[in-house]
Protein backbone atom coordinates (compact mmCIF):
# COMPACT_ATOMS: atom_id res chain seq x y z
CA MET A 1 -8.74 -22.34 -27.76
CA GLU A 2 -11.16 -19.50 -28.53
CA SER A 3 -11.14 -18.40 -24.90
CA LEU A 4 -7.34 -18.40 -24.84
CA PHE A 5 -7.33 -16.21 -27.94
CA ALA A 6 -9.72 -13.73 -26.29
CA ILE A 7 -7.59 -13.54 -23.12
CA LEU A 8 -4.42 -13.09 -25.17
CA ALA A 9 -6.15 -10.29 -27.10
CA LEU A 10 -6.94 -8.59 -23.77
CA ILE A 11 -3.29 -8.81 -22.71
CA VAL A 12 -2.02 -7.53 -26.06
CA PHE A 13 -4.41 -4.57 -26.04
CA MET A 14 -3.27 -3.62 -22.52
CA LEU A 15 0.40 -3.90 -23.49
CA LEU A 16 -0.28 -1.63 -26.47
CA GLY A 17 -1.62 1.01 -24.10
CA VAL A 18 -5.33 0.61 -24.81
CA PRO A 19 -7.32 1.68 -21.73
CA VAL A 20 -8.23 -1.24 -19.50
CA VAL A 21 -11.97 -0.74 -19.93
CA PHE A 22 -11.76 -0.88 -23.74
CA SER A 23 -9.41 -3.88 -23.57
CA PHE A 24 -12.01 -5.80 -21.56
CA ALA A 25 -14.74 -4.70 -23.97
CA ALA A 26 -12.69 -6.03 -26.89
CA MET A 27 -12.28 -9.38 -25.13
CA VAL A 28 -16.04 -9.67 -24.63
CA VAL A 29 -16.74 -8.77 -28.27
CA ILE A 30 -14.32 -11.49 -29.41
CA LEU A 31 -15.99 -14.04 -27.11
CA LEU A 32 -19.46 -13.10 -28.37
CA MET A 33 -18.32 -13.55 -31.95
CA VAL A 34 -16.36 -16.80 -31.66
CA TYR A 35 -19.01 -18.52 -29.53
CA ASP A 36 -21.96 -17.02 -31.43
CA VAL A 37 -23.63 -15.73 -28.26
CA SER A 38 -26.63 -13.40 -28.41
CA TRP A 39 -25.62 -9.74 -28.21
CA SER A 40 -28.41 -9.09 -25.71
CA MET A 41 -26.71 -11.33 -23.15
CA PRO A 42 -24.08 -8.77 -22.01
CA MET A 43 -26.71 -6.23 -21.03
CA ILE A 44 -28.82 -8.70 -19.06
CA THR A 45 -25.88 -10.42 -17.37
CA GLY A 46 -24.05 -7.17 -16.68
CA TYR A 47 -27.06 -5.56 -15.04
CA TRP A 48 -27.94 -8.42 -12.71
CA THR A 49 -24.37 -9.13 -11.64
CA VAL A 50 -23.40 -5.57 -10.64
CA ASN A 51 -26.78 -4.88 -9.05
CA SER A 52 -25.22 -5.73 -5.69
CA VAL A 53 -25.35 -3.99 -2.33
CA ILE A 54 -21.86 -5.27 -1.54
CA LEU A 55 -20.37 -3.25 -4.40
CA LEU A 56 -21.62 -0.04 -2.78
CA ALA A 57 -18.71 -0.44 -0.38
CA LEU A 58 -16.23 0.31 -3.20
CA PRO A 59 -16.89 4.04 -3.71
CA LEU A 60 -17.33 4.58 0.02
CA PHE A 61 -13.99 3.04 1.01
CA VAL A 62 -12.25 4.85 -1.85
CA MET A 63 -13.78 8.12 -0.69
CA THR A 64 -12.65 7.41 2.87
CA GLY A 65 -9.09 7.06 1.61
CA TYR A 66 -9.22 10.43 -0.13
CA LEU A 67 -10.77 12.09 2.94
CA MET A 68 -7.99 10.67 5.13
CA GLN A 69 -5.38 11.94 2.72
CA THR A 70 -6.66 15.51 2.67
CA GLY A 71 -8.36 15.82 6.07
CA GLY A 72 -5.33 15.38 8.33
CA ILE A 73 -6.20 11.87 9.50
CA ALA A 74 -3.26 10.22 7.72
CA LYS A 75 -0.80 12.78 9.11
CA ARG A 76 -1.88 12.16 12.73
CA LEU A 77 -1.60 8.41 12.23
CA VAL A 78 1.94 8.77 10.88
CA ASP A 79 2.97 11.12 13.72
CA PHE A 80 1.74 8.64 16.31
CA VAL A 81 3.43 5.64 14.67
CA GLU A 82 6.71 7.58 14.37
CA ALA A 83 6.60 8.42 18.08
CA LEU A 84 5.72 4.82 18.94
CA VAL A 85 8.55 3.12 17.03
CA GLY A 86 11.04 5.95 17.41
CA ARG A 87 12.43 8.65 15.16
CA SER A 88 15.77 6.89 14.71
CA LYS A 89 16.95 5.73 11.29
CA THR A 90 15.46 2.27 11.76
CA GLY A 91 12.32 3.71 13.28
CA MET A 92 11.60 5.92 10.28
CA GLY A 93 11.53 2.98 7.87
CA THR A 94 9.46 0.91 10.27
CA SER A 95 7.08 3.86 10.66
CA MET A 96 6.44 3.89 6.92
CA VAL A 97 5.67 0.16 6.88
CA VAL A 98 3.37 0.26 9.93
CA SER A 99 1.64 3.46 8.77
CA CYS A 100 0.80 1.82 5.44
CA GLY A 101 -0.65 -1.13 7.34
CA ILE A 102 -2.81 1.08 9.57
CA PHE A 103 -3.85 3.16 6.57
CA GLY A 104 -4.90 -0.05 4.85
CA ALA A 105 -7.10 -0.88 7.84
CA ILE A 106 -9.17 2.18 6.97
CA SER A 107 -9.08 2.88 3.23
CA GLY A 108 -8.39 -0.50 1.58
CA THR A 109 -6.45 1.06 -1.31
CA ALA A 110 -2.76 1.07 -2.17
CA SER A 111 -2.75 4.22 -4.31
CA ALA A 112 -4.17 6.35 -1.50
CA ALA A 113 -1.50 4.99 0.86
CA VAL A 114 1.26 5.87 -1.61
CA ALA A 115 0.01 9.44 -1.96
CA SER A 116 -0.71 10.02 1.73
CA ILE A 117 2.14 8.23 3.51
CA GLY A 118 4.69 9.05 0.82
CA SER A 119 4.06 12.78 0.82
CA ILE A 120 4.39 12.86 4.61
CA MET A 121 7.40 10.56 5.17
CA ILE A 122 9.78 10.64 2.20
CA GLY A 123 11.26 14.03 3.13
CA PRO A 124 11.97 13.16 6.81
CA MET A 125 13.42 9.78 5.81
CA GLU A 126 15.78 11.47 3.36
CA ARG A 127 17.00 13.73 6.18
CA HIS A 128 17.80 10.57 8.16
CA GLY A 129 20.04 9.31 5.37
CA TYR A 130 17.65 7.19 3.31
CA GLY A 131 18.03 7.40 -0.47
CA ARG A 132 14.95 8.38 -2.40
CA GLY A 133 15.17 5.28 -4.59
CA TYR A 134 15.19 2.98 -1.56
CA THR A 135 12.44 4.96 0.20
CA SER A 136 10.19 4.92 -2.86
CA ALA A 137 10.69 1.14 -3.24
CA LEU A 138 9.80 0.58 0.43
CA LEU A 139 6.74 2.80 -0.01
CA GLY A 140 5.60 0.92 -3.12
CA VAL A 141 5.79 -2.51 -1.51
CA SER A 142 4.45 -1.38 1.89
CA SER A 143 1.47 0.36 0.33
CA LEU A 144 0.21 -3.02 -0.87
CA LEU A 145 -0.50 -3.80 2.77
CA GLY A 146 -3.65 -1.80 2.07
CA LEU A 147 -4.82 -4.73 -0.06
CA LEU A 148 -4.08 -7.29 2.65
CA ILE A 149 -5.06 -5.55 5.90
CA PRO A 150 -8.88 -5.31 5.83
CA PRO A 151 -10.97 -3.70 4.58
CA SER A 152 -9.56 -4.46 1.14
CA ILE A 153 -11.15 -3.39 -2.12
CA THR A 154 -9.39 -6.29 -3.85
CA MET A 155 -11.00 -8.77 -1.46
CA ILE A 156 -14.43 -7.17 -1.94
CA LEU A 157 -14.09 -7.70 -5.70
CA TYR A 158 -12.90 -11.29 -5.21
CA ALA A 159 -15.83 -12.04 -2.89
CA VAL A 160 -18.34 -10.62 -5.36
CA VAL A 161 -16.86 -12.43 -8.37
CA THR A 162 -16.61 -15.80 -6.61
CA ARG A 163 -19.73 -15.49 -4.42
CA GLN A 164 -17.80 -15.77 -1.14
CA SER A 165 -18.21 -14.03 2.21
CA VAL A 166 -16.59 -10.59 2.19
CA ALA A 167 -15.80 -10.80 5.91
CA ALA A 168 -14.13 -14.22 5.47
CA CYS A 169 -11.98 -12.90 2.62
CA PHE A 170 -10.99 -9.93 4.79
CA LEU A 171 -9.86 -12.28 7.57
CA ALA A 172 -7.90 -14.51 5.19
CA THR A 173 -5.39 -11.79 4.33
CA ILE A 174 -4.73 -10.49 7.86
CA GLY A 175 -2.14 -13.17 8.66
CA PRO A 176 -0.16 -12.71 5.41
CA GLY A 177 -0.37 -8.93 5.84
CA ILE A 178 1.09 -9.04 9.35
CA VAL A 179 3.89 -11.39 8.26
CA LEU A 180 4.72 -9.11 5.32
CA MET A 181 4.80 -6.09 7.65
CA ILE A 182 7.22 -7.87 9.98
CA LEU A 183 9.53 -9.02 7.17
CA LEU A 184 9.67 -5.55 5.61
CA SER A 185 10.58 -4.05 8.99
CA ILE A 186 13.35 -6.63 9.48
CA LEU A 187 14.75 -6.03 6.00
CA ASN A 188 14.72 -2.29 6.61
CA ARG A 189 16.64 -2.74 9.86
CA LEU A 190 19.26 -4.84 8.05
CA HIS A 191 19.59 -2.12 5.40
CA VAL A 192 20.08 0.58 8.03
CA THR A 193 22.71 -1.49 9.83
CA ARG A 194 24.67 -2.31 6.67
CA HIS A 195 24.38 0.86 4.59
CA LEU A 196 23.45 3.76 6.87
CA GLY A 197 25.89 3.15 9.70
CA GLY A 198 23.32 1.95 12.22
CA ASN A 199 20.92 4.06 14.24
CA ASP A 200 21.59 7.67 15.09
CA GLU A 201 21.20 8.99 18.61
CA LYS A 202 17.92 7.94 20.18
CA MET A 203 15.51 10.27 21.91
CA PRO A 204 15.68 10.16 25.73
CA TRP A 205 13.06 7.86 27.19
CA GLY A 206 11.23 10.61 29.05
CA GLU A 207 10.88 12.75 25.93
CA ARG A 208 9.76 9.75 23.91
CA VAL A 209 7.02 8.86 26.39
CA SER A 210 5.86 12.47 26.36
CA GLU A 211 5.77 12.50 22.55
CA ILE A 212 3.89 9.19 22.42
CA GLY A 213 1.32 10.64 24.78
CA SER A 214 0.85 13.91 22.87
CA THR A 215 0.75 12.36 19.38
CA GLY A 216 -1.45 9.52 20.64
CA TRP A 217 -3.94 12.01 22.07
CA ARG A 218 -4.11 13.86 18.76
CA ALA A 219 -4.41 10.57 16.84
CA ILE A 220 -7.30 9.15 18.90
CA PRO A 221 -10.00 10.32 16.45
CA ALA A 222 -8.00 8.75 13.60
CA LEU A 223 -7.30 5.50 15.48
CA VAL A 224 -10.98 5.09 16.33
CA LEU A 225 -11.85 4.71 12.63
CA PRO A 226 -10.32 1.23 12.03
CA VAL A 227 -11.79 0.09 15.36
CA ILE A 228 -15.24 1.19 14.20
CA ILE A 229 -14.85 -0.46 10.78
CA LEU A 230 -13.40 -3.82 11.80
CA GLY A 231 -15.06 -4.01 15.20
CA GLY A 232 -18.42 -3.21 13.64
CA ILE A 233 -18.07 -5.85 10.92
CA TYR A 234 -16.85 -8.71 13.10
CA GLY A 235 -18.92 -7.69 16.07
CA GLY A 236 -22.03 -8.12 13.94
CA PHE A 237 -23.15 -4.50 14.21
CA PHE A 238 -23.10 -3.82 10.47
CA THR A 239 -22.13 -5.27 7.10
CA PRO A 240 -18.98 -4.29 5.16
CA THR A 241 -21.09 -1.94 3.04
CA GLU A 242 -22.57 -0.28 6.11
CA ALA A 243 -19.07 -0.09 7.61
CA ALA A 244 -17.90 1.77 4.52
CA ALA A 245 -20.76 4.24 4.87
CA VAL A 246 -20.00 4.75 8.57
CA SER A 247 -16.33 5.40 7.75
CA VAL A 248 -17.29 8.24 5.38
CA VAL A 249 -19.79 9.72 7.84
CA TYR A 250 -17.12 9.60 10.56
CA ALA A 251 -14.19 10.89 8.45
CA ILE A 252 -15.95 14.05 7.26
CA PRO A 253 -16.69 15.66 10.68
CA VAL A 254 -13.27 14.58 12.00
CA GLY A 255 -11.56 16.34 9.10
CA LEU A 256 -13.86 19.37 9.29
CA PHE A 257 -14.21 20.02 13.01
CA VAL A 258 -11.49 18.06 14.84
CA TYR A 259 -8.41 18.46 12.64
CA ARG A 260 -9.87 21.40 10.66
CA GLU A 261 -7.92 20.56 7.50
CA LEU A 262 -10.94 19.53 5.41
CA ASN A 263 -13.21 21.92 3.56
CA PRO A 264 -16.27 21.58 1.30
CA ARG A 265 -14.14 21.80 -1.83
CA MET A 266 -11.99 18.87 -0.67
CA ILE A 267 -15.11 16.84 0.09
CA PHE A 268 -16.42 17.52 -3.40
CA ASP A 269 -13.08 16.50 -4.92
CA ALA A 270 -13.14 13.28 -2.87
CA VAL A 271 -16.62 12.47 -4.20
CA VAL A 272 -15.49 13.10 -7.79
CA GLN A 273 -12.32 11.00 -7.41
CA ALA A 274 -14.24 8.16 -5.76
CA ALA A 275 -16.87 8.26 -8.51
CA ALA A 276 -14.25 8.19 -11.27
CA THR A 277 -12.32 5.32 -9.69
CA THR A 278 -15.44 3.31 -8.98
CA GLY A 279 -16.85 3.95 -12.45
CA VAL A 280 -13.83 2.36 -14.08
CA ILE A 281 -13.91 -0.61 -11.70
CA MET A 282 -17.64 -1.20 -12.25
CA ILE A 283 -17.34 -1.16 -16.04
CA ILE A 284 -14.47 -3.65 -15.84
CA LEU A 285 -16.60 -5.83 -13.57
CA VAL A 286 -19.50 -5.76 -16.02
CA PHE A 287 -17.31 -7.04 -18.85
CA SER A 288 -15.58 -9.56 -16.58
CA PHE A 289 -18.93 -10.96 -15.40
CA VAL A 290 -20.08 -11.30 -19.02
CA ALA A 291 -16.83 -13.05 -19.95
CA SER A 292 -17.13 -15.30 -16.90
CA ARG A 293 -20.68 -16.25 -17.90
CA ILE A 294 -19.53 -17.17 -21.40
CA PHE A 295 -16.62 -19.17 -19.99
CA THR A 296 -19.03 -21.08 -17.76
CA ILE A 297 -21.46 -21.83 -20.58
CA GLU A 298 -18.63 -23.09 -22.77
CA ARG A 299 -17.14 -25.15 -19.88
CA VAL A 300 -13.79 -23.34 -20.03
CA PRO A 301 -13.06 -23.71 -16.28
CA GLN A 302 -13.67 -27.46 -16.54
CA GLN A 303 -11.37 -27.67 -19.56
CA LEU A 304 -8.67 -25.77 -17.69
CA THR A 305 -9.09 -28.08 -14.69
CA ASP A 306 -8.79 -31.18 -16.87
CA PHE A 307 -5.70 -29.77 -18.59
CA LEU A 308 -3.85 -28.96 -15.37
CA LEU A 309 -4.78 -32.20 -13.64
CA GLY A 310 -3.81 -34.16 -16.74
CA SER A 311 -0.49 -32.36 -17.11
CA PHE A 312 0.58 -32.28 -13.46
CA GLU A 313 -0.17 -34.94 -10.88
CA SER A 314 1.03 -33.13 -7.79
CA PRO A 315 -1.13 -30.38 -6.21
CA VAL A 316 2.14 -28.77 -5.06
CA VAL A 317 3.28 -28.37 -8.67
CA ILE A 318 -0.13 -27.07 -9.75
CA LEU A 319 -0.06 -24.45 -7.00
CA LEU A 320 3.45 -23.45 -8.05
CA MET A 321 2.28 -23.04 -11.65
CA VAL A 322 -0.64 -20.94 -10.44
CA ASN A 323 1.77 -18.78 -8.40
CA VAL A 324 3.95 -18.17 -11.46
CA PHE A 325 0.89 -17.44 -13.61
CA LEU A 326 -0.47 -14.92 -11.09
CA ILE A 327 2.88 -13.12 -10.87
CA LEU A 328 3.27 -12.96 -14.65
CA LEU A 329 -0.30 -11.76 -15.12
CA GLY A 330 0.15 -9.20 -12.35
CA MET A 331 3.19 -7.81 -14.15
CA ILE A 332 1.04 -6.70 -17.09
CA MET A 333 -2.38 -6.15 -15.48
CA ASP A 334 -3.67 -4.22 -12.49
CA ASP A 335 -5.10 -5.98 -9.43
CA VAL A 336 -8.73 -5.40 -10.44
CA SER A 337 -8.13 -6.99 -13.85
CA VAL A 338 -6.30 -9.96 -12.31
CA ILE A 339 -9.16 -10.60 -9.89
CA ALA A 340 -11.78 -10.24 -12.61
CA ILE A 341 -10.10 -12.64 -15.04
CA VAL A 342 -8.35 -15.21 -12.87
CA SER A 343 -10.86 -15.83 -10.07
CA PRO A 344 -13.73 -17.39 -12.10
CA LEU A 345 -11.29 -19.54 -14.06
CA MET A 346 -9.09 -20.74 -11.21
CA VAL A 347 -11.54 -21.32 -8.35
CA PRO A 348 -12.82 -24.60 -9.90
CA VAL A 349 -9.22 -25.73 -10.40
CA MET A 350 -8.40 -24.94 -6.79
CA ALA A 351 -11.49 -26.78 -5.56
CA GLU A 352 -10.43 -29.87 -7.50
CA ILE A 353 -7.07 -30.03 -5.70
CA GLY A 354 -8.56 -29.23 -2.30
CA VAL A 355 -7.80 -25.50 -1.99
CA ASP A 356 -10.64 -23.58 -0.35
CA PRO A 357 -11.85 -20.43 -2.20
CA ILE A 358 -11.10 -18.37 0.93
CA HIS A 359 -7.53 -19.69 0.93
CA PHE A 360 -7.25 -18.82 -2.76
CA ALA A 361 -8.35 -15.27 -1.94
CA ALA A 362 -5.23 -14.89 0.23
CA ILE A 363 -3.05 -16.45 -2.50
CA ILE A 364 -4.27 -13.91 -5.06
CA GLY A 365 -3.93 -11.05 -2.56
CA THR A 366 -0.28 -11.84 -1.84
CA SER A 367 0.50 -12.28 -5.54
CA VAL A 368 -0.80 -8.79 -6.28
CA VAL A 369 1.90 -7.39 -3.96
CA ILE A 370 4.53 -8.77 -6.35
CA GLY A 371 2.77 -8.07 -9.64
CA ALA A 372 1.84 -4.47 -8.83
CA ASN A 373 5.53 -3.68 -8.23
CA SER A 374 6.99 -5.58 -11.18
CA PRO A 375 7.70 -4.13 -14.66
CA PRO A 376 6.55 -3.56 -17.31
CA MET A 377 3.32 -2.17 -15.81
CA ALA A 378 4.19 -1.81 -12.07
CA PRO A 379 1.46 0.82 -11.47
CA ILE A 380 2.06 1.18 -7.73
CA LEU A 381 5.84 1.39 -8.12
CA PHE A 382 5.55 4.06 -10.82
CA MET A 383 3.26 6.04 -8.56
CA ALA A 384 5.75 5.71 -5.70
CA CYS A 385 8.46 7.03 -8.04
CA ARG A 386 6.36 10.09 -8.83
CA VAL A 387 5.65 10.77 -5.16
CA GLY A 388 9.31 10.22 -4.29
CA GLU A 389 10.49 12.32 -7.25
CA THR A 390 12.98 9.70 -8.38
CA SER A 391 13.59 7.47 -11.40
CA MET A 392 12.54 3.87 -11.87
CA SER A 393 16.17 2.85 -12.40
CA ARG A 394 17.00 3.89 -8.82
CA VAL A 395 13.96 2.09 -7.43
CA MET A 396 14.15 -1.31 -9.12
CA LYS A 397 17.06 -2.82 -7.16
CA PRO A 398 15.63 -2.16 -3.67
CA ALA A 399 12.15 -3.07 -4.93
CA PHE A 400 13.37 -6.51 -6.06
CA TYR A 401 15.14 -6.81 -2.70
CA PHE A 402 11.86 -6.35 -0.84
CA MET A 403 9.87 -8.54 -3.20
CA GLY A 404 12.46 -11.32 -3.25
CA PHE A 405 13.01 -11.52 0.50
CA ALA A 406 9.59 -10.44 1.82
CA ALA A 407 6.70 -10.49 -0.67
CA LEU A 408 7.68 -13.75 -2.44
CA PRO A 409 8.24 -15.73 0.81
CA VAL A 410 4.88 -14.49 2.12
CA MET A 411 3.16 -15.61 -1.09
CA LEU A 412 4.75 -19.06 -0.92
CA LEU A 413 4.03 -19.39 2.80
CA THR A 414 0.41 -18.39 2.23
CA THR A 415 0.11 -20.85 -0.64
CA TYR A 416 1.55 -23.91 1.05
CA TYR A 417 0.62 -23.25 4.69
CA SER A 418 -3.15 -22.78 4.62
CA PRO A 419 -3.60 -22.05 8.38
CA LEU A 420 -1.93 -18.68 7.82
CA ALA A 421 -4.97 -17.69 5.76
CA LEU A 422 -7.70 -19.90 7.22
CA TYR A 423 -7.07 -19.76 10.98
CA LEU A 424 -8.96 -16.49 11.60
CA PRO A 425 -11.96 -17.28 9.33
CA ARG A 426 -12.37 -20.60 11.15
CA LEU A 427 -11.81 -19.07 14.58
CA LEU A 428 -14.56 -16.50 14.06
CA GLY A 429 -16.99 -19.00 12.57
CA TYR A 430 -16.91 -18.03 8.89
CA MET A 431 -15.72 -21.52 7.90
CA ASP A 432 -16.30 -25.04 9.18
């Protein structure tokens, strides 16, 4: 009961607009008081839990995203994808979806994808007849592919909190990410057919091949980056943390000397932004680790497991309740907070009903796609509205369209069809 009160206090503080870091601090203070835990415990636990080499990947991947955004890498990727899928009405929407997926294979962040892809594509899509409300909604949902297509900062946090393999968690979300990308592209095509009068005149095949060749040549330095990151990790050449460092070392000279759109001031700004973002995440992690330690000492996960198993007999029903809980929590908390709070509590419950922790990583990842675009918080959707220069009222209807017919089915499919998440980790030897 005391733990429930502390978690409710966290939610209330966040709803009242208290910064996330201070909301987590308040939760820890409440837990220390109600359970009469020594006040020296947070410092000791916090230090040892965040003293992790894996967490060094966070600022490096965040910095890579900012360098891509300002150094011309994102623009070349978008140009190549547009040429590949076509500059027709349908092709423009599909380009946004695929570009967000490729961007996610490099930066691992949704916010960087919104800023980069949105600033490049919203204008051209509007000229092809797309409304800004619809375009911003598509951008908001598609940008969450950055949390599913590895490397993913969300999956790094989950792996650290639950003591799982980072590489295995990365692999678990590839399948759901690809399915979500396909569904969003299909829904966009249906929208174009029904509301925009179908495709406009297509580019002649000869011109299109020529454009694919020219944009592909310019995009080669950008396309090499995800190959280096993912190929290096799964080829055994370096760890995820080393891959993050390599991505920064590679992105800087490409932006400076190849595309010549990066300068020392931009590099400095990227370092500052990465430091600020990572600082907030690390402080949240410290408090979440302390709370998790207190929960473990007081047997809260076991109590939660007993309650759910005593209330619901069917694992299918329990998974459905967990799905609903994750969506509701994601509506009022950001993805980092959801991972930090839910993972330590729910992993024992999932183990009791036979759900592997790697499978649960994919379940949480797909739930974030819905929560991050659902009011009242909807941080990614609000950011997409700002980039698209439109109001939330114009965005909500198409956003619910994409979430209802793409994101929600992917979450349910991932939850109840485990091979979608576990096939690749098993294939590459990260699971038995």
